[in-house]
Amino acid sequence: MEGWRGRVAVVTGAGSGIGAAVSCRLLKEGLTVFGLDVNLGSMLRLVSTLDAREKKVWNKNFSSLELSLYLVI
């Protein structure tokens, strides 16, 4: 994945399964990851396992759909 370092990726379903695996791989490759998931608990678990310079988690409600968001830089 050369040439991707420093870019930004948006990952849906980032809290578990394939979305979590993709998020972790992208972080390992040097991307900034903006992940979205409907399950706050799974997002918090994932973010707690990440080794990153900065981690932020937000729990927001968008038009009656509650999304848990995280940004890892």
N, C-alpha and C. Protein backbone atom coordinates (compact mmCIF):
# COMPACT_ATOMS: atom_id res chain seq x y z
N MET A 1 0.82 -1.19 0.00
CA MET A 1 0.00 0.00 0.00
C MET A 1 0.87 1.26 0.00
N GLU A 2 1.96 1.19 -0.71
CA GLU A 2 2.83 2.35 -0.78
C GLU A 2 2.10 3.50 -1.44
N GLY A 3 2.41 4.69 -1.01
CA GLY A 3 1.76 5.87 -1.57
C GLY A 3 0.47 6.25 -0.85
N TRP A 4 0.05 5.45 0.10
CA TRP A 4 -1.19 5.74 0.83
C TRP A 4 -0.92 6.44 2.15
N ARG A 5 0.31 6.38 2.65
CA ARG A 5 0.64 6.97 3.94
C ARG A 5 0.25 8.45 3.96
N GLY A 6 -0.40 8.86 5.05
CA GLY A 6 -0.81 10.25 5.19
C GLY A 6 -2.19 10.56 4.63
N ARG A 7 -2.79 9.63 3.94
CA ARG A 7 -4.13 9.85 3.39
C ARG A 7 -5.18 9.56 4.45
N VAL A 8 -6.43 9.87 4.14
CA VAL A 8 -7.54 9.67 5.06
C VAL A 8 -8.48 8.61 4.50
N ALA A 9 -8.90 7.68 5.36
CA ALA A 9 -9.85 6.64 4.95
C ALA A 9 -11.09 6.72 5.82
N VAL A 10 -12.25 6.49 5.23
CA VAL A 10 -13.51 6.39 5.96
C VAL A 10 -13.93 4.93 5.91
N VAL A 11 -14.15 4.34 7.09
CA VAL A 11 -14.50 2.93 7.18
C VAL A 11 -15.85 2.81 7.88
N THR A 12 -16.81 2.19 7.21
CA THR A 12 -18.11 1.94 7.84
C THR A 12 -18.09 0.55 8.48
N GLY A 13 -18.86 0.38 9.53
CA GLY A 13 -18.86 -0.88 10.25
C GLY A 13 -17.52 -1.13 10.92
N ALA A 14 -16.87 -0.05 11.32
CA ALA A 14 -15.49 -0.12 11.80
C ALA A 14 -15.34 -0.74 13.18
N GLY A 15 -16.42 -0.94 13.91
CA GLY A 15 -16.33 -1.42 15.28
C GLY A 15 -16.06 -2.90 15.42
N SER A 16 -16.29 -3.68 14.38
CA SER A 16 -16.10 -5.12 14.52
C SER A 16 -15.92 -5.77 13.15
N GLY A 17 -15.53 -7.02 13.17
CA GLY A 17 -15.44 -7.82 11.95
C GLY A 17 -14.50 -7.26 10.90
N ILE A 18 -14.95 -7.32 9.65
CA ILE A 18 -14.12 -6.86 8.54
C ILE A 18 -13.80 -5.38 8.66
N GLY A 19 -14.76 -4.59 9.10
CA GLY A 19 -14.52 -3.15 9.25
C GLY A 19 -13.41 -2.85 10.25
N ALA A 20 -13.38 -3.60 11.35
CA ALA A 20 -12.32 -3.42 12.35
C ALA A 20 -10.98 -3.85 11.78
N ALA A 21 -10.96 -4.97 11.07
CA ALA A 21 -9.72 -5.46 10.47
C ALA A 21 -9.17 -4.47 9.45
N VAL A 22 -10.05 -3.93 8.63
CA VAL A 22 -9.63 -2.95 7.62
C VAL A 22 -9.09 -1.70 8.31
N SER A 23 -9.78 -1.24 9.34
CA SER A 23 -9.33 -0.05 10.07
C SER A 23 -7.93 -0.25 10.63
N CYS A 24 -7.71 -1.38 11.27
CA CYS A 24 -6.40 -1.67 11.87
C CYS A 24 -5.31 -1.74 10.81
N ARG A 25 -5.61 -2.36 9.70
CA ARG A 25 -4.62 -2.47 8.61
C ARG A 25 -4.29 -1.10 8.03
N LEU A 26 -5.30 -0.27 7.82
CA LEU A 26 -5.05 1.06 7.29
C LEU A 26 -4.22 1.90 8.25
N LEU A 27 -4.51 1.78 9.54
CA LEU A 27 -3.71 2.50 10.53
C LEU A 27 -2.27 2.03 10.50
N LYS A 28 -2.07 0.74 10.39
CA LYS A 28 -0.73 0.17 10.33
C LYS A 28 0.03 0.69 9.12
N GLU A 29 -0.69 0.95 8.04
CA GLU A 29 -0.08 1.45 6.81
C GLU A 29 0.13 2.96 6.83
N GLY A 30 -0.29 3.64 7.92
CA GLY A 30 -0.02 5.06 8.06
C GLY A 30 -1.13 6.00 7.64
N LEU A 31 -2.33 5.48 7.44
CA LEU A 31 -3.46 6.34 7.08
C LEU A 31 -4.14 6.87 8.33
N THR A 32 -4.82 7.99 8.18
CA THR A 32 -5.72 8.49 9.21
C THR A 32 -7.05 7.81 8.95
N VAL A 33 -7.65 7.24 9.99
CA VAL A 33 -8.90 6.49 9.81
C VAL A 33 -10.03 7.19 10.53
N PHE A 34 -11.11 7.40 9.79
CA PHE A 34 -12.35 7.93 10.34
C PHE A 34 -13.36 6.79 10.24
N GLY A 35 -13.66 6.17 11.37
CA GLY A 35 -14.52 4.99 11.37
C GLY A 35 -15.90 5.29 11.89
N LEU A 36 -16.90 4.61 11.33
CA LEU A 36 -18.28 4.77 11.75
C LEU A 36 -18.88 3.42 12.09
N ASP A 37 -19.73 3.40 13.11
CA ASP A 37 -20.43 2.16 13.48
C ASP A 37 -21.66 2.54 14.29
N VAL A 38 -22.66 1.71 14.26
CA VAL A 38 -23.88 1.96 15.03
C VAL A 38 -23.78 1.43 16.46
N ASN A 39 -22.71 0.71 16.78
CA ASN A 39 -22.56 0.10 18.09
C ASN A 39 -21.44 0.80 18.85
N LEU A 40 -21.80 1.63 19.82
CA LEU A 40 -20.82 2.38 20.59
C LEU A 40 -19.88 1.44 21.34
N GLY A 41 -20.41 0.38 21.93
CA GLY A 41 -19.59 -0.55 22.71
C GLY A 41 -18.48 -1.16 21.89
N SER A 42 -18.79 -1.59 20.67
CA SER A 42 -17.75 -2.21 19.84
C SER A 42 -16.72 -1.17 19.41
N MET A 43 -17.15 0.05 19.18
CA MET A 43 -16.21 1.11 18.82
C MET A 43 -15.25 1.40 19.98
N LEU A 44 -15.79 1.47 21.18
CA LEU A 44 -14.95 1.75 22.35
C LEU A 44 -13.95 0.63 22.58
N ARG A 45 -14.39 -0.62 22.39
CA ARG A 45 -13.46 -1.75 22.54
C ARG A 45 -12.35 -1.68 21.50
N LEU A 46 -12.71 -1.41 20.26
CA LEU A 46 -11.71 -1.33 19.21
C LEU A 46 -10.72 -0.21 19.48
N VAL A 47 -11.23 0.96 19.77
CA VAL A 47 -10.36 2.12 19.98
C VAL A 47 -9.42 1.90 21.17
N SER A 48 -9.90 1.19 22.20
CA SER A 48 -9.04 0.95 23.37
C SER A 48 -7.87 0.04 23.03
N THR A 49 -7.96 -0.73 21.96
CA THR A 49 -6.88 -1.64 21.59
C THR A 49 -5.88 -1.01 20.62
N LEU A 50 -6.20 0.15 20.10
CA LEU A 50 -5.35 0.76 19.08
C LEU A 50 -4.14 1.46 19.69
N ASP A 51 -3.03 1.34 19.03
CA ASP A 51 -1.82 2.06 19.41
C ASP A 51 -1.68 3.20 18.42
N ALA A 52 -2.08 4.37 18.84
CA ALA A 52 -2.04 5.52 17.94
C ALA A 52 -1.68 6.77 18.73
N ARG A 53 -1.21 7.77 18.02
CA ARG A 53 -0.83 9.02 18.67
C ARG A 53 -2.04 9.70 19.29
N GLU A 54 -3.16 9.65 18.62
CA GLU A 54 -4.35 10.34 19.11
C GLU A 54 -5.58 9.52 18.79
N LYS A 55 -6.48 9.42 19.77
CA LYS A 55 -7.74 8.69 19.57
C LYS A 55 -8.87 9.57 20.09
N LYS A 56 -9.91 9.68 19.30
CA LYS A 56 -11.09 10.43 19.71
C LYS A 56 -12.32 9.60 19.41
N VAL A 57 -13.27 9.59 20.32
CA VAL A 57 -14.52 8.86 20.09
C VAL A 57 -15.68 9.82 20.35
N TRP A 58 -16.62 9.83 19.44
CA TRP A 58 -17.83 10.62 19.60
C TRP A 58 -19.02 9.70 19.44
N ASN A 59 -20.07 9.99 20.17
CA ASN A 59 -21.33 9.27 19.99
C ASN A 59 -22.35 10.32 19.57
N LYS A 60 -22.79 10.27 18.35
CA LYS A 60 -23.67 11.29 17.78
C LYS A 60 -24.95 10.68 17.24
N ASN A 61 -25.99 11.48 17.22
CA ASN A 61 -27.26 11.06 16.66
C ASN A 61 -27.50 11.87 15.39
N PHE A 62 -27.60 11.19 14.26
CA PHE A 62 -27.84 11.84 12.98
C PHE A 62 -29.19 11.41 12.45
N SER A 63 -30.16 12.32 12.45
CA SER A 63 -31.48 12.05 11.89
C SER A 63 -32.04 10.72 12.38
N SER A 64 -32.10 10.56 13.67
CA SER A 64 -32.65 9.39 14.36
C SER A 64 -31.79 8.13 14.19
N LEU A 65 -30.63 8.25 13.60
CA LEU A 65 -29.70 7.13 13.51
C LEU A 65 -28.50 7.48 14.37
N GLU A 66 -28.30 6.71 15.43
CA GLU A 66 -27.19 6.99 16.31
C GLU A 66 -25.93 6.29 15.78
N LEU A 67 -24.89 7.06 15.58
CA LEU A 67 -23.63 6.53 15.07
C LEU A 67 -22.53 6.79 16.08
N SER A 68 -21.66 5.86 16.24
CA SER A 68 -20.46 6.07 17.03
C SER A 68 -19.33 6.30 16.06
N LEU A 69 -18.60 7.37 16.28
CA LEU A 69 -17.55 7.76 15.36
C LEU A 69 -16.21 7.75 16.07
N TYR A 70 -15.17 7.43 15.36
CA TYR A 70 -13.86 7.63 15.93
C TYR A 70 -12.90 8.15 14.86
N LEU A 71 -11.95 8.90 15.33
CA LEU A 71 -10.91 9.42 14.45
C LEU A 71 -9.59 9.06 15.08
N VAL A 72 -8.75 8.42 14.34
CA VAL A 72 -7.43 8.05 14.83
C VAL A 72 -6.40 8.69 13.92
N ILE A 73 -5.50 9.41 14.52
CA ILE A 73 -4.47 10.14 13.74
C ILE A 73 -3.12 9.54 14.06
